[in-house]
C-alpha cells in the first residue's frame, strides 16, 4: 500500500498541488517504507517551501536519525524547537526536546567511548 501511495504522491510533484504538505506527506510515506535518506530529502524540500513547518522539522530529525546521521538529526531538532517555540507549537517543541536530549546523550556516550 505504501508503494502505491508513494507513487501517487510522486506524480503530483511539480504540479499545482506541489507544496510543503505534499513534500511532507511523501517524506512520511518514505519513512514508513524504511527509506530514511529519501524521506529526509523530501522533508528538507518541504522546509524549503515552508521553514515554519514544525512537523517537518520533527520528522526530518527522525529520518536523519534512522539514516545514521545523529549530528544532522540533532541540528534539525534544534532548529525545529526554535521554530515550534516561536510559533507557539508547544507539543512539537516538547517532543523534539525529548528526542534532542536522547541524541545528545547518545553522542556524548559515543564520544566517551572513542576517547
C-alpha atoms as a PDB file:
ATOM      1  CA  UNK A   1       0.000   0.000   0.000  1.00  0.00           C
ATOM      2  CA  UNK A   2       2.773   2.438   0.903  1.00  0.00           C
ATOM      3  CA  UNK A   3       4.459   1.939  -2.505  1.00  0.00           C
ATOM      4  CA  UNK A   4       1.241   2.892  -4.271  1.00  0.00           C
ATOM      5  CA  UNK A   5       0.815   5.957  -2.070  1.00  0.00           C
ATOM      6  CA  UNK A   6       4.432   6.984  -2.747  1.00  0.00           C
ATOM      7  CA  UNK A   7       3.891   6.593  -6.499  1.00  0.00           C
ATOM      8  CA  UNK A   8       0.705   8.667  -6.403  1.00  0.00           C
ATOM      9  CA  UNK A   9       2.354  11.426  -4.365  1.00  0.00           C
ATOM     10  CA  UNK A  10       5.379  11.488  -6.672  1.00  0.00           C
ATOM     11  CA  UNK A  11       3.062  12.011  -9.651  1.00  0.00           C
ATOM     12  CA  UNK A  12       1.875  15.263  -8.066  1.00  0.00           C
ATOM     13  CA  UNK A  13       5.384  16.721  -7.701  1.00  0.00           C
ATOM     14  CA  UNK A  14       5.818  19.805  -9.850  1.00  0.00           C
ATOM     15  CA  UNK A  15       2.078  20.195 -10.306  1.00  0.00           C
ATOM     16  CA  UNK A  16      -0.369  22.755  -8.950  1.00  0.00           C
ATOM     17  CA  UNK A  17      -0.724  20.873  -5.640  1.00  0.00           C
ATOM     18  CA  UNK A  18       3.032  20.709  -5.035  1.00  0.00           C
ATOM     19  CA  UNK A  19       3.939  22.362  -1.768  1.00  0.00           C
ATOM     20  CA  UNK A  20       5.209  21.780   1.737  1.00  0.00           C
ATOM     21  CA  UNK A  21       2.324  19.463   2.638  1.00  0.00           C
ATOM     22  CA  UNK A  22       2.851  17.241  -0.411  1.00  0.00           C
ATOM     23  CA  UNK A  23       6.604  17.005   0.248  1.00  0.00           C
ATOM     24  CA  UNK A  24       5.934  16.288   3.928  1.00  0.00           C
ATOM     25  CA  UNK A  25       3.385  13.582   3.074  1.00  0.00           C
ATOM     26  CA  UNK A  26       5.787  11.968   0.624  1.00  0.00           C
ATOM     27  CA  UNK A  27       8.580  12.065   3.198  1.00  0.00           C
ATOM     28  CA  UNK A  28       6.294  10.485   5.766  1.00  0.00           C
ATOM     29  CA  UNK A  29       5.409   7.606   3.432  1.00  0.00           C
ATOM     30  CA  UNK A  30       9.074   7.087   2.505  1.00  0.00           C
ATOM     31  CA  UNK A  31       9.945   6.967   6.209  1.00  0.00           C
ATOM     32  CA  UNK A  32       7.236   4.339   6.777  1.00  0.00           C
ATOM     33  CA  UNK A  33       8.733   2.349   3.883  1.00  0.00           C
ATOM     34  CA  UNK A  34      12.151   2.369   5.539  1.00  0.00           C
ATOM     35  CA  UNK A  35      13.694   4.816   3.074  1.00  0.00           C
ATOM     36  CA  UNK A  36      15.047   7.258   5.665  1.00  0.00           C
ATOM     37  CA  UNK A  37      17.562   9.084   3.446  1.00  0.00           C
ATOM     38  CA  UNK A  38      14.981   9.703   0.709  1.00  0.00           C
ATOM     39  CA  UNK A  39      12.478  10.780   3.363  1.00  0.00           C
ATOM     40  CA  UNK A  40      14.974  13.269   4.800  1.00  0.00           C
ATOM     41  CA  UNK A  41      15.379  14.828   1.357  1.00  0.00           C
ATOM     42  CA  UNK A  42      11.615  15.275   0.998  1.00  0.00           C
ATOM     43  CA  UNK A  43      11.369  16.834   4.481  1.00  0.00           C
ATOM     44  CA  UNK A  44      14.146  19.263   3.515  1.00  0.00           C
ATOM     45  CA  UNK A  45      12.180  20.145   0.390  1.00  0.00           C
ATOM     46  CA  UNK A  46       9.061  20.721   2.500  1.00  0.00           C
ATOM     47  CA  UNK A  47      11.072  23.045   4.724  1.00  0.00           C
ATOM     48  CA  UNK A  48      12.395  24.946   1.711  1.00  0.00           C
ATOM     49  CA  UNK A  49       8.769  25.679   0.868  1.00  0.00           C
ATOM     50  CA  UNK A  50       7.755  26.435   4.482  1.00  0.00           C
ATOM     51  CA  UNK A  51      10.555  26.833   7.030  1.00  0.00           C
ATOM     52  CA  UNK A  52       7.961  27.198   9.818  1.00  0.00           C
ATOM     53  CA  UNK A  53       6.549  23.673   9.393  1.00  0.00           C
ATOM     54  CA  UNK A  54       7.181  22.195  12.861  1.00  0.00           C
ATOM     55  CA  UNK A  55       6.082  18.680  11.949  1.00  0.00           C
ATOM     56  CA  UNK A  56       8.533  18.585   9.041  1.00  0.00           C
ATOM     57  CA  UNK A  57      11.389  19.552  11.363  1.00  0.00           C
ATOM     58  CA  UNK A  58      10.403  16.771  13.744  1.00  0.00           C
ATOM     59  CA  UNK A  59      10.260  14.094  11.056  1.00  0.00           C
ATOM     60  CA  UNK A  60      13.452  15.392   9.435  1.00  0.00           C
ATOM     61  CA  UNK A  61      15.191  14.723  12.732  1.00  0.00           C
ATOM     62  CA  UNK A  62      13.668  11.249  12.902  1.00  0.00           C
ATOM     63  CA  UNK A  63      14.621  10.458   9.304  1.00  0.00           C
ATOM     64  CA  UNK A  64      18.205  11.625   9.824  1.00  0.00           C
ATOM     65  CA  UNK A  65      18.453   9.542  12.994  1.00  0.00           C
ATOM     66  CA  UNK A  66      17.225   6.471  11.120  1.00  0.00           C
ATOM     67  CA  UNK A  67      19.595   7.254   8.239  1.00  0.00           C
ATOM     68  CA  UNK A  68      22.548   7.178  10.644  1.00  0.00           C
ATOM     69  CA  UNK A  69      23.185  10.929  10.880  1.00  0.00           C
ATOM     70  CA  UNK A  70      22.680  11.741  14.571  1.00  0.00           C
ATOM     71  CA  UNK A  71      24.547  15.047  14.334  1.00  0.00           C
ATOM     72  CA  UNK A  72      22.344  16.200  11.462  1.00  0.00           C
ATOM     73  CA  UNK A  73      19.286  14.996  13.347  1.00  0.00           C
ATOM     74  CA  UNK A  74      20.276  16.956  16.434  1.00  0.00           C
ATOM     75  CA  UNK A  75      20.707  20.087  14.318  1.00  0.00           C
ATOM     76  CA  UNK A  76      17.276  19.526  12.741  1.00  0.00           C
ATOM     77  CA  UNK A  77      15.665  19.097  16.157  1.00  0.00           C
ATOM     78  CA  UNK A  78      17.346  22.233  17.489  1.00  0.00           C
ATOM     79  CA  UNK A  79      16.144  24.275  14.522  1.00  0.00           C
ATOM     80  CA  UNK A  80      12.703  22.710  14.807  1.00  0.00           C
ATOM     81  CA  UNK A  81      12.475  23.526  18.503  1.00  0.00           C
ATOM     82  CA  UNK A  82      13.237  27.179  17.781  1.00  0.00           C
ATOM     83  CA  UNK A  83      10.589  27.276  15.044  1.00  0.00           C
ATOM     84  CA  UNK A  84       7.983  25.489  17.171  1.00  0.00           C
ATOM     85  CA  UNK A  85       8.580  27.734  20.183  1.00  0.00           C
ATOM     86  CA  UNK A  86       8.326  30.841  18.003  1.00  0.00           C
ATOM     87  CA  UNK A  87       5.015  29.601  16.577  1.00  0.00           C
ATOM     88  CA  UNK A  88       3.645  28.569  19.970  1.00  0.00           C
ATOM     89  CA  UNK A  89       3.609  24.905  18.942  1.00  0.00           C
ATOM     90  CA  UNK A  90       4.320  23.711  22.480  1.00  0.00           C
ATOM     91  CA  UNK A  91       3.725  19.996  21.926  1.00  0.00           C
ATOM     92  CA  UNK A  92       6.057  19.752  18.939  1.00  0.00           C
ATOM     93  CA  UNK A  93       8.754  21.662  20.844  1.00  0.00           C
ATOM     94  CA  UNK A  94       8.425  19.312  23.822  1.00  0.00           C
ATOM     95  CA  UNK A  95       8.654  16.207  21.638  1.00  0.00           C
ATOM     96  CA  UNK A  96      11.697  17.494  19.756  1.00  0.00           C
ATOM     97  CA  UNK A  97      13.358  18.438  23.060  1.00  0.00           C
ATOM     98  CA  UNK A  98      12.982  14.844  24.234  1.00  0.00           C
ATOM     99  CA  UNK A  99      14.462  13.467  21.008  1.00  0.00           C
ATOM    100  CA  UNK A 100      17.279  16.036  21.061  1.00  0.00           C
ATOM    101  CA  UNK A 101      18.233  15.147  24.648  1.00  0.00           C
ATOM    102  CA  UNK A 102      18.344  11.448  23.767  1.00  0.00           C
ATOM    103  CA  UNK A 103      20.607  12.180  20.809  1.00  0.00           C
ATOM    104  CA  UNK A 104      22.858  14.419  22.900  1.00  0.00           C
ATOM    105  CA  UNK A 105      23.274  11.629  25.458  1.00  0.00           C
ATOM    106  CA  UNK A 106      23.980   9.071  22.743  1.00  0.00           C
ATOM    107  CA  UNK A 107      26.529  11.332  21.042  1.00  0.00           C
ATOM    108  CA  UNK A 108      28.231  12.092  24.364  1.00  0.00           C
ATOM    109  CA  UNK A 109      28.373   8.395  25.202  1.00  0.00           C
ATOM    110  CA  UNK A 110      29.880   7.664  21.786  1.00  0.00           C
ATOM    111  CA  UNK A 111      32.487  10.398  22.267  1.00  0.00           C
ATOM    112  CA  UNK A 112      33.420   8.990  25.684  1.00  0.00           C
ATOM    113  CA  UNK A 113      33.854   5.506  24.194  1.00  0.00           C
ATOM    114  CA  UNK A 114      36.155   6.872  21.494  1.00  0.00           C
ATOM    115  CA  UNK A 115      38.221   8.987  23.903  1.00  0.00           C
END
